Protein backbone atom coordinates (compact mmCIF):
# COMPACT_ATOMS: atom_id res chain seq x y z
CA MET A 1 137.30 81.52 99.85
CA SER A 2 137.24 81.65 103.64
CA PRO A 3 135.06 79.23 105.48
CA GLN A 4 131.59 80.46 106.64
CA PRO A 5 130.48 80.62 110.26
CA ASP A 6 128.22 77.74 111.46
CA GLY A 7 124.64 78.37 112.58
CA PRO A 8 122.04 80.89 111.30
CA ARG A 9 123.14 83.75 109.20
CA ILE A 10 120.83 86.67 108.81
CA VAL A 11 121.26 89.61 106.55
CA SER A 12 119.32 92.88 107.14
CA ALA A 13 119.08 95.44 104.45
CA PHE A 14 118.05 98.88 105.65
CA PHE A 15 116.91 101.55 103.16
CA PRO A 16 117.35 104.94 105.02
CA ASP A 17 116.05 106.95 101.97
CA LEU A 18 113.35 104.49 100.72
CA ALA A 19 110.70 106.94 100.45
CA MET A 20 112.74 109.82 98.86
CA ASP A 21 114.49 107.34 96.46
CA ARG A 22 111.15 106.10 95.28
CA TRP A 23 109.77 109.69 95.00
CA ARG A 24 112.69 110.79 92.86
CA ARG A 25 112.40 107.82 90.72
CA ILE A 26 108.63 108.48 90.02
CA VAL A 27 108.85 112.33 89.63
CA SER A 28 111.87 112.18 87.35
CA GLN A 29 109.65 110.28 84.98
CA GLN A 30 107.06 113.13 84.97
CA ARG A 31 108.87 116.49 85.41
CA SER A 32 112.34 117.90 86.43
CA LEU A 33 113.52 117.44 89.89
CA PRO A 34 114.43 120.37 92.16
CA GLY A 35 118.16 121.29 92.34
CA ASP A 36 120.52 119.61 94.60
CA ASP A 37 120.67 123.10 96.62
CA VAL A 38 116.85 122.88 97.25
CA PRO A 39 115.86 121.14 100.51
CA VAL A 40 112.99 118.52 99.66
CA VAL A 41 110.95 116.85 102.30
CA LEU A 42 108.00 114.43 102.07
CA SER A 43 105.11 115.08 104.46
CA GLU A 44 102.56 113.01 106.24
CA GLN A 45 99.51 114.02 108.20
CA GLY A 46 100.28 114.55 112.01
CA THR A 47 98.35 115.44 115.02
CA HIS A 48 98.54 119.12 114.56
CA GLY A 49 99.07 119.42 110.83
CA PRO A 50 101.52 118.04 108.18
CA VAL A 51 105.06 116.67 109.65
CA ILE A 52 108.15 115.71 107.87
CA HIS A 53 108.24 112.08 106.98
CA ALA A 54 111.48 111.98 104.85
CA LEU A 55 114.00 114.33 103.66
CA SER A 56 116.71 114.99 101.18
CA ALA A 57 120.55 115.26 101.62
CA GLU A 58 120.38 119.05 101.45
CA ALA A 59 117.46 119.18 103.89
CA ARG A 60 119.43 116.90 106.37
CA ARG A 61 122.37 118.99 105.91
CA ARG A 62 120.52 122.09 107.09
CA GLY A 63 119.59 120.39 110.23
CA ILE A 64 116.06 119.67 109.36
CA VAL A 65 114.82 116.44 111.13
CA GLU A 66 111.95 114.04 110.72
CA GLY A 67 108.83 114.61 112.75
CA ALA A 68 109.11 118.45 112.80
CA ARG A 69 106.12 120.50 111.62
CA VAL A 70 106.15 121.61 108.00
CA VAL A 71 105.02 125.14 108.92
CA ASP A 72 107.72 125.59 111.50
CA VAL A 73 110.42 124.42 109.06
CA GLN A 74 108.95 126.67 106.34
CA ALA A 75 109.24 129.76 108.51
CA ILE A 76 113.07 128.99 108.84
CA HIS A 77 113.66 127.78 105.24
CA PRO A 78 111.28 129.58 102.85
CA ASP A 79 112.73 127.76 99.97
CA LEU A 80 111.61 124.30 101.36
CA HIS A 81 110.03 122.18 98.64
CA VAL A 82 107.35 120.01 100.25
CA GLU A 83 105.66 117.02 98.63
CA ARG A 84 103.15 114.40 99.92
CA SER A 85 104.52 111.04 101.04
CA ASP A 86 103.00 107.72 100.00
CA ALA A 87 103.42 105.23 102.85
CA GLU A 88 101.17 102.60 101.02
CA GLY A 89 103.28 102.91 98.06
CA ASP A 90 106.34 102.56 100.14
CA ARG A 91 105.14 99.43 101.68
CA LYS A 92 104.12 97.83 98.28
CA LEU A 93 107.74 98.54 97.02
CA LEU A 94 109.21 96.89 100.14
CA ASP A 95 107.10 93.76 99.59
CA ARG A 96 108.17 93.52 96.00
CA VAL A 97 111.78 94.18 96.83
CA ALA A 98 111.57 91.24 99.56
CA MET A 99 110.22 88.90 96.83
CA TRP A 100 112.89 90.12 94.31
CA ALA A 101 115.54 89.46 96.81
CA ARG A 102 115.07 85.84 96.72
CA ARG A 103 117.41 85.68 94.00
CA TRP A 104 120.00 85.32 97.01
CA CYS A 105 118.04 83.03 99.38
CA PRO A 106 114.65 81.54 99.60
CA TRP A 107 113.59 83.13 102.94
CA THR A 108 113.16 86.90 102.73
CA VAL A 109 110.55 89.12 104.36
CA ARG A 110 109.74 92.92 104.73
CA ASP A 111 111.29 94.30 107.90
CA GLY A 112 108.73 97.06 109.07
CA MET A 113 108.72 100.11 106.68
CA GLY A 114 112.43 100.52 106.07
CA GLY A 115 114.10 97.45 105.05
CA ILE A 116 114.03 93.68 104.46
CA THR A 117 115.44 90.68 106.26
CA MET A 118 116.91 87.52 104.49
CA ASP A 119 118.05 84.26 106.05
CA ILE A 120 121.23 83.33 103.99
CA SER A 121 122.09 80.23 106.05
CA GLY A 122 123.86 77.83 103.60
CA ALA A 123 123.49 80.15 100.71
CA ALA A 124 126.49 82.51 100.95
CA HIS A 125 128.92 80.09 99.49
CA LEU A 126 126.80 80.07 96.09
CA PHE A 127 127.98 83.75 95.68
CA GLY A 128 131.58 83.28 96.70
CA GLY A 129 131.12 84.01 100.52
CA GLU A 130 129.44 86.51 102.59
CA VAL A 131 131.66 89.47 101.61
CA ARG A 132 131.05 89.04 98.00
CA MET A 133 127.23 88.30 98.53
CA LEU A 134 126.88 91.64 100.36
CA ARG A 135 128.91 93.46 97.64
CA ASP A 136 126.47 91.99 95.02
CA MET A 137 123.46 92.96 97.05
CA GLY A 138 124.62 96.57 97.54
CA ALA A 139 125.35 96.84 93.72
CA ARG A 140 122.02 95.45 92.73
CA PHE A 141 120.06 97.54 95.16
CA LYS A 142 121.94 100.60 93.78
CA MET A 143 120.99 99.54 90.16
CA GLN A 144 117.25 99.57 91.43
CA GLY A 145 117.70 103.26 92.66
CA LEU A 146 117.74 102.19 96.38
CA SER A 147 120.72 103.14 98.85
CA ALA A 148 120.98 100.13 101.27
CA ARG A 149 123.02 99.71 104.46
CA LEU A 150 123.64 95.87 104.88
CA ALA A 151 124.64 93.81 107.96
CA VAL A 152 125.15 89.93 108.55
CA ALA A 153 124.68 88.55 112.08
CA PRO A 154 123.74 85.19 113.49
CA THR A 155 120.35 86.68 114.91
CA ARG A 156 117.64 88.78 113.33
CA GLY A 157 117.64 91.34 115.90
CA ALA A 158 121.50 91.78 115.88
CA ALA A 159 121.48 92.09 112.09
CA GLN A 160 118.79 94.81 112.25
CA MET A 161 120.55 96.78 114.94
CA LEU A 162 123.94 96.66 113.07
CA ALA A 163 122.22 97.83 109.72
CA ARG A 164 120.34 100.73 111.32
CA TYR A 165 122.83 101.91 113.74
CA GLY A 166 126.09 100.43 112.95
CA GLN A 167 128.45 101.59 110.04
CA GLY A 168 126.95 99.27 107.47
CA GLY A 169 128.62 96.37 105.62
CA VAL A 170 129.28 94.65 109.09
CA ILE A 171 129.82 90.89 109.17
CA CYS A 172 129.34 89.54 112.63
CA GLY A 173 130.27 85.98 113.72
CA PRO A 174 128.70 84.13 116.69
CA ASP A 175 131.78 84.79 119.04
CA ASP A 176 131.89 88.48 118.66
CA LEU A 177 127.99 89.14 118.70
CA ALA A 178 127.97 90.75 121.99
CA VAL A 179 131.10 92.95 121.34
CA ALA A 180 129.69 94.16 118.10
CA ILE A 181 126.21 95.47 119.27
CA ALA A 182 127.65 96.64 122.64
CA PRO A 183 128.28 100.27 121.40
CA LEU A 184 124.97 100.57 119.90
CA PRO A 185 122.33 102.88 121.63
CA VAL A 186 119.43 101.27 123.50
CA ALA A 187 117.06 102.80 120.78
CA ALA A 188 118.60 100.08 118.56
CA LEU A 189 116.27 97.55 120.32
CA ARG A 190 113.46 99.32 118.49
CA ILE A 191 111.42 99.91 121.86
CA ASP A 192 109.00 102.74 122.34
CA ALA A 193 110.29 106.17 123.18
CA ASP A 194 109.00 106.07 126.92
CA THR A 195 111.17 103.06 127.48
CA VAL A 196 114.18 104.71 125.79
CA ARG A 197 113.97 107.58 127.98
CA LEU A 198 113.46 105.50 131.18
CA LEU A 199 116.61 103.54 130.46
CA GLN A 200 118.72 106.72 129.67
CA ARG A 201 117.61 108.32 132.94
CA LEU A 202 118.91 105.32 134.61
CA GLY A 203 122.29 105.81 132.85
CA LEU A 204 121.76 102.86 130.41
CA LYS A 205 122.47 104.51 127.14
CA THR A 206 124.13 101.74 125.18
CA LEU A 207 123.43 97.92 124.88
CA GLY A 208 126.73 97.36 126.53
CA ALA A 209 125.68 99.23 129.73
CA LEU A 210 122.39 97.34 129.66
CA MET A 211 124.21 94.00 129.37
CA GLU A 212 126.26 94.74 132.45
CA VAL A 213 123.24 95.57 134.81
CA PRO A 214 122.10 92.54 137.01
CA ARG A 215 119.22 90.85 135.42
CA VAL A 216 117.23 90.60 138.61
CA ALA A 217 116.92 94.42 138.97
CA LEU A 218 115.64 94.96 135.47
CA MET A 219 113.21 91.98 135.53
CA ARG A 220 111.39 93.52 138.37
CA ARG A 221 111.07 96.80 136.52
CA PHE A 222 109.98 95.38 133.15
CA ASP A 223 108.07 92.29 134.19
CA ARG A 224 104.70 93.65 132.90
CA VAL A 225 105.96 94.98 129.64
CA ALA A 226 104.81 93.28 126.49
CA GLU A 227 107.28 91.02 124.73
CA GLU A 228 107.31 93.27 121.63
CA ILE A 229 108.73 96.31 123.47
CA ASN A 230 110.32 94.48 126.50
CA PRO A 231 114.09 95.53 126.38
CA LEU A 232 115.22 92.39 128.13
CA VAL A 233 113.44 90.02 125.91
CA LEU A 234 114.52 91.84 122.67
CA LEU A 235 118.14 91.75 123.94
CA ASP A 236 118.01 88.13 124.62
CA ARG A 237 116.71 87.50 120.92
CA ALA A 238 119.47 89.57 119.65
CA LEU A 239 122.07 87.74 121.46
CA GLY A 240 120.70 84.40 120.53
CA ARG A 241 119.58 83.38 123.99
CA THR A 242 116.05 82.86 122.90
CA ALA A 243 114.60 82.00 119.51
CA ASP A 244 113.57 84.48 116.79
CA PRO A 245 112.79 82.74 113.70
CA LEU A 246 112.33 84.26 110.27
CA ASN A 247 108.78 83.50 109.15
CA ALA A 248 108.92 84.40 105.52
CA PRO A 249 105.74 84.36 103.37
CA GLU A 250 105.42 81.96 100.61
CA ASP A 251 105.98 82.97 96.91
CA ALA A 252 103.17 84.46 95.26
CA VAL A 253 101.57 82.13 92.77
CA ARG A 254 101.24 83.36 89.28
CA TRP A 255 98.38 81.84 87.17
CA LEU A 256 100.04 82.45 83.82
CA ALA A 257 99.90 80.59 80.31
CA ARG A 258 102.26 81.56 77.55
CA VAL A 259 102.83 80.85 73.83
CA ARG A 260 106.10 81.19 72.20
CA LEU A 261 106.17 81.53 68.41
CA ALA A 262 108.86 80.60 65.99
CA GLU A 263 107.97 83.50 63.67
CA PRO A 264 106.44 86.96 64.51
CA VAL A 265 102.65 87.06 63.73
CA ILE A 266 100.09 90.00 63.61
CA ASP A 267 96.89 88.65 64.94
CA PRO A 268 96.66 87.02 68.35
CA VAL A 269 93.29 85.73 68.18
CA PRO A 270 94.07 82.27 66.61
CA HIS A 271 96.41 81.63 69.71
CA LEU A 272 93.65 82.63 72.36
CA ASP A 273 92.02 79.23 72.58
CA ALA A 274 95.28 77.42 73.38
CA LEU A 275 96.19 80.07 75.96
CA ALA A 276 92.76 80.01 77.71
CA ALA A 277 92.75 76.12 77.83
CA ASP A 278 96.28 76.06 79.24
CA LEU A 279 95.39 78.64 82.09
CA CYS A 280 92.00 76.87 82.83
CA ARG A 281 93.89 73.46 83.28
CA GLN A 282 96.26 75.14 85.82
CA MET A 283 93.42 76.66 87.79
CA ALA A 284 91.40 73.54 87.61
CA LYS A 285 94.02 71.57 89.50
CA ALA A 286 93.76 74.10 92.53
CA GLU A 287 89.94 74.59 92.20
CA LEU A 288 90.18 78.17 91.42
CA GLY A 289 88.52 80.40 88.65
CA ALA A 290 89.55 83.72 87.17
CA ARG A 291 88.00 86.98 88.11
CA ARG A 292 90.34 89.32 86.22
CA LEU A 293 92.42 88.43 83.13
CA ARG A 294 95.50 90.18 81.35
CA LEU A 295 96.65 89.38 77.96
CA THR A 296 100.04 90.72 76.98
CA ILE A 297 101.74 90.57 73.56
CA TYR A 298 105.64 91.09 73.38
CA ARG A 299 106.54 92.76 70.11
CA VAL A 300 109.84 91.90 68.14
CA ASP A 301 110.94 95.60 68.67
CA GLY A 302 111.08 95.27 72.58
CA GLU A 303 107.62 96.92 73.19
CA TRP A 304 104.72 95.16 74.64
CA ARG A 305 100.90 95.79 74.83
CA SER A 306 98.43 94.44 77.18
CA ARG A 307 94.51 94.26 77.63
CA GLU A 308 92.48 93.45 80.76
CA VAL A 309 89.06 92.13 81.34
CA ALA A 310 86.97 91.56 84.47
CA LEU A 311 84.47 88.74 85.07
CA ALA A 312 81.11 88.81 87.15
CA GLN A 313 81.80 85.40 88.45
CA ALA A 314 84.75 83.35 88.84
CA SER A 315 85.16 81.12 85.65
CA ARG A 316 87.63 78.66 84.14
CA GLU A 317 85.57 77.93 80.88
CA ALA A 318 88.29 78.30 78.25
CA ALA A 319 85.87 79.27 75.33
CA HIS A 320 84.27 82.04 77.44
CA LEU A 321 87.56 83.39 78.50
CA ALA A 322 88.98 83.35 74.95
CA ARG A 323 85.82 85.00 73.63
CA LEU A 324 86.07 87.96 76.15
CA MET A 325 89.75 88.46 75.29
CA ALA A 326 89.06 88.51 71.59
CA GLY A 327 86.65 91.26 72.00
CA LYS A 328 89.17 93.42 73.80
CA LEU A 329 91.89 93.20 71.11
CA GLU A 330 90.41 95.73 68.86
CA GLY A 331 92.80 98.67 68.15
CA ILE A 332 95.77 96.84 69.81
CA ASP A 333 99.10 97.81 67.91
CA PRO A 334 101.08 94.56 67.03
CA GLY A 335 103.94 96.80 65.51
CA PHE A 336 106.11 94.47 63.21
CA GLY A 337 104.69 91.50 64.79
CA PHE A 338 105.04 89.77 68.19
CA ASP A 339 106.58 86.16 69.05
CA LEU A 340 105.32 85.91 72.63
CA LEU A 341 101.95 85.96 74.30
CA THR A 342 100.82 85.49 77.91
CA LEU A 343 97.48 85.19 79.49
CA GLU A 344 97.61 85.91 83.28
CA ALA A 345 94.84 85.54 85.89
CA LEU A 346 95.43 88.58 88.01
CA ARG A 347 92.63 87.73 90.43
CA VAL A 348 91.34 84.32 91.28
CA GLU A 349 88.63 82.87 93.55
CA PRO A 350 87.78 79.35 94.84
CA LEU A 351 85.66 77.69 92.36
CA ALA A 352 84.93 73.97 93.25
CA LEU A 353 84.61 71.23 90.59
CA HIS A 354 80.99 70.63 89.78
CA GLN A 355 78.91 68.06 87.69
CA ASP A 356 76.55 69.41 85.03
CA HIS A 357 72.84 68.83 85.31
CA LEU A 358 71.83 65.40 84.03
CA ASP A 359 68.94 66.73 81.99
CA GLY A 360 71.48 68.88 79.99
CA SER A 361 70.00 72.25 81.36
CA ARG A 362 72.21 75.22 82.02
CA ASP A 363 72.69 77.32 85.26
CA ALA A 364 70.79 80.55 84.84
CA GLY A 365 73.28 82.38 87.04
CA LYS A 366 76.16 81.35 84.75
CA ASP A 367 74.31 82.64 81.80
CA VAL A 368 73.81 85.99 83.50
CA ALA A 369 77.27 86.24 84.47
CA ALA A 370 78.50 85.45 80.99
CA LEU A 371 76.21 88.12 79.61
CA LEU A 372 77.33 90.63 82.00
CA ASP A 373 81.06 89.72 80.99
CA ARG A 374 80.38 90.22 77.46
CA LEU A 375 78.49 93.43 77.73
CA THR A 376 81.13 94.91 80.25
CA ALA A 377 83.99 93.81 77.77
CA LYS A 378 82.13 95.46 74.88
CA LEU A 379 80.65 98.67 76.52
CA GLY A 380 83.01 99.31 79.49
CA PRO A 381 82.31 98.58 83.30
CA GLU A 382 80.82 102.10 83.75
CA LYS A 383 77.88 101.56 81.43
CA VAL A 384 76.74 98.08 82.77
CA THR A 385 74.77 98.69 86.06
CA TRP A 386 72.03 97.15 88.06
CA SER A 387 69.79 98.10 91.03
CA ALA A 388 71.09 98.39 94.44
CA TRP A 389 68.91 98.57 97.35
CA CYS A 390 69.50 101.01 100.37
CA GLN A 391 67.92 101.20 103.81
CA SER A 392 65.86 104.59 103.56
CA HIS A 393 62.34 105.39 104.14
CA LEU A 394 62.39 108.21 101.38
CA PRO A 395 61.20 106.62 98.08
CA GLU A 396 63.69 108.25 95.83
CA ARG A 397 66.61 106.92 98.02
CA VAL A 398 65.55 103.25 98.28
CA GLU A 399 67.02 102.23 94.91
CA GLY A 400 70.27 103.16 93.22
CA ARG A 401 72.48 102.10 90.52
CA VAL A 402 75.94 100.33 90.90
CA LYS A 403 78.30 98.74 88.57
CA ALA A 404 77.34 95.20 87.82
CA MET A 405 81.04 94.02 88.23
CA ALA A 406 80.87 95.40 91.89
CA GLY A 407 79.16 92.10 93.01
CA ALA A 408 76.02 90.15 92.99
CA PRO A 409 72.70 92.36 93.50
CA GLU A 410 71.35 92.67 97.01
CA VAL A 411 67.95 91.24 98.07
CA ALA A 412 65.23 93.89 97.76
CA VAL A 413 64.05 95.41 100.98
CA GLU A 414 60.73 94.47 102.30
CA VAL A 415 57.90 96.90 101.39
CA THR A 416 55.02 96.95 103.89
CA ARG A 417 52.95 99.42 101.85
CA GLU A 418 51.81 99.61 98.27
CA ARG A 419 54.08 101.54 96.13
CA PRO A 420 53.60 102.75 92.43
CA LEU A 421 55.33 100.88 89.76
CA ARG A 422 56.58 104.16 88.19
CA LEU A 423 58.33 106.75 90.16
CA LEU A 424 59.32 110.18 88.74
CA ASP A 425 62.85 111.43 89.41
CA PRO A 426 62.81 114.12 90.45
CA PRO A 427 59.07 114.54 91.64
CA GLU A 428 57.15 117.15 89.70
CA GLU A 429 55.34 120.02 91.29
CA ILE A 430 51.58 120.37 90.68
CA ALA A 431 49.27 123.36 90.94
CA VAL A 432 46.62 122.92 93.46
CA LEU A 433 43.44 124.52 92.64
CA TYR A 434 41.38 123.59 95.53
CA ALA A 435 42.58 121.57 98.49
CA VAL A 436 40.54 119.47 100.97
CA PRO A 437 41.42 120.46 104.70
CA GLU A 438 43.79 118.00 105.91
CA GLY A 439 43.58 116.03 102.86
CA PRO A 440 44.60 115.85 99.04
CA PRO A 441 43.82 118.45 96.40
CA ALA A 442 40.19 118.37 95.23
CA ARG A 443 41.47 119.70 91.94
CA PHE A 444 44.98 119.89 90.63
CA ARG A 445 46.96 120.61 87.47
CA TRP A 446 49.78 118.63 86.32
CA ARG A 447 51.43 118.86 82.86
CA ARG A 448 48.82 121.52 81.70
CA VAL A 449 46.10 119.06 82.39
CA SER A 450 43.52 119.59 85.22
CA TYR A 451 42.26 116.58 87.18
CA LEU A 452 39.33 116.22 89.58
CA THR A 453 40.03 113.93 92.62
CA ALA A 454 37.29 110.97 92.89
CA ARG A 455 38.75 109.13 95.83
CA TYR A 456 41.90 109.20 97.90
CA GLU A 457 43.64 107.11 100.63
CA GLY A 458 46.00 108.59 103.20
CA PRO A 459 47.93 110.37 104.54
CA GLU A 460 51.11 108.32 105.03
CA ARG A 461 53.50 110.66 106.80
CA VAL A 462 57.41 110.46 106.07
CA SER A 463 59.80 112.45 108.10
CA PRO A 464 63.05 113.84 106.93
CA GLU A 465 66.20 111.78 107.57
CA TRP A 466 67.84 114.03 110.05
CA TRP A 467 71.26 112.41 109.80
CA ARG A 468 71.33 113.08 106.05
CA ASP A 469 68.99 115.95 105.16
CA ARG A 470 69.87 119.53 105.67
CA PRO A 471 68.36 121.47 108.78
CA GLY A 472 64.96 122.79 107.95
CA THR A 473 63.86 120.11 105.64
CA ARG A 474 60.08 119.61 105.72
CA LEU A 475 58.22 116.43 106.32
CA ARG A 476 55.91 114.82 103.58
CA ASP A 477 52.34 113.55 103.74
CA TYR A 478 51.65 111.01 100.97
CA TYR A 479 48.17 110.22 99.37
CA LYS A 480 46.97 107.87 96.83
CA VAL A 481 44.59 109.70 94.65
CA GLU A 482 42.19 108.42 91.98
CA VAL A 483 40.95 110.79 89.45
CA GLY A 484 37.82 110.75 87.28
CA ASP A 485 39.16 108.44 84.40
CA GLY A 486 40.50 105.90 86.77
CA ARG A 487 44.21 106.82 86.77
CA ARG A 488 45.77 106.80 90.30
CA PHE A 489 48.70 109.16 91.18
CA TRP A 490 50.76 109.22 94.24
CA LEU A 491 50.95 112.71 95.56
CA TYR A 492 52.53 114.33 98.59
CA ARG A 493 52.30 117.48 100.37
CA GLU A 494 55.68 119.01 101.57
CA GLY A 495 55.36 120.65 104.87
CA ILE A 496 52.35 121.77 106.87
CA LEU A 497 51.02 125.12 107.63
CA GLY A 498 52.77 126.63 110.86
CA ASP A 499 55.63 124.32 110.84
CA GLY A 500 58.06 127.13 110.96
CA ARG A 501 60.00 125.84 108.14
CA GLY A 502 58.88 127.79 105.11
CA GLY A 503 55.87 129.27 103.70
CA ASP A 504 52.73 127.62 102.30
CA PRO A 505 53.12 123.73 101.77
CA ARG A 506 53.98 122.66 98.27
CA TRP A 507 52.47 119.72 96.36
CA PHE A 508 54.28 117.30 94.15
CA VAL A 509 53.28 114.03 92.16
CA GLN A 510 55.93 111.39 92.63
CA GLY A 511 54.49 108.05 91.13
CA ILE A 512 51.77 106.68 88.93
CA PHE A 513 50.18 103.44 89.84
CA ALA A 514 49.30 100.80 87.32
């Protein structure tokens, strides 16, 4: 094994066909893929319509380029197969790949939207040297369905340049760093297109040409350019003249409890208490509580089954969590038995340690949250709702229904006028037998019963919400009307004579007072 260079060693893994590789892997599980002779492109929304984001080998062979408008390419290639790209899915895949790559070194990070960067300083000898390490990386990425171009260099910038614009598989030492990146185009600095065009007009098409120009002349031209796109700053970082550390995120913490069984069993319920207690002890040390749980059973035939449950409030009460999961296990197929169970907190929130009340009383909020958890686990999240208050001056829009698991109920809006306890949804139209001028009906018929107005209060005018209602919506005049037997109704007249928004006004009853 040859000695390894001293100093930092950075690996850049570039996935030129990440979006297409991911698309092929997903589509192959759902339907047949187009033939190799069919050009396939993934599109994203551009300024003037869909543009090409990624393309297959056949599309690249035909001369199709990224950024071209889909309609223009379809005019030249009628057999073009177009699919929608998923940039968010690609980003999440890169994040997972970056974490998975920590099998080689502890410091890995996503590199934009096309690759990952790894600091392998002091780790290459564990795999037999950098050559064998790169070979192992390439093989394992290929097993995952990803075509990768790899490069090793003393700096992050140089490794990224060599992986993206080099031949791939380059191992660059500290002494030959400048020679290795000199033939690369100035676009390898990952600067904006305007700066690339400016450098090319100056005759600086490669990094070697840029390095030969006197620094004073270039510094005057780029002194006000931000560091992120300043070619001189980026070149200094690539050559190791200035620091460019790799700030890798910490490993994601998994809150997981597991039980391994000596013999396969069929019923997981007897093991839930131990799983929940173990998970709650872990979360208690970090002062966290679970908001979403997943129980997974691993069957002896290699299959697995899982159930998930959400909580209204963060909790780490083992008995409550075990009871919720027990209610979700109906219908789960254990097969020929299972010998491994895991209980994982998929979502956690801060939950400080607290002391119970000295008088033995319980927190009413926790009781309500526990009730919501049990109802939701039994009936489903769509069936358990509560009121949500909205800022609107139309009575039927003030209150709505939202899922109880969406969060705590909002504080009710302040009502400055008396409102009926019961609202009709939708309001019911009434037949006016005789109307008082500029007042409520003197007699009206509702649900086949005639009523005689004894006294009234109003009107209260409510205008349409112009930002939400359709043009031509008429205003309303509300009246509190008391009839002869003492009952009180909330009526409104929709529109007024001569408003230019329809014919005669219409009358409705919308509420009933106590």
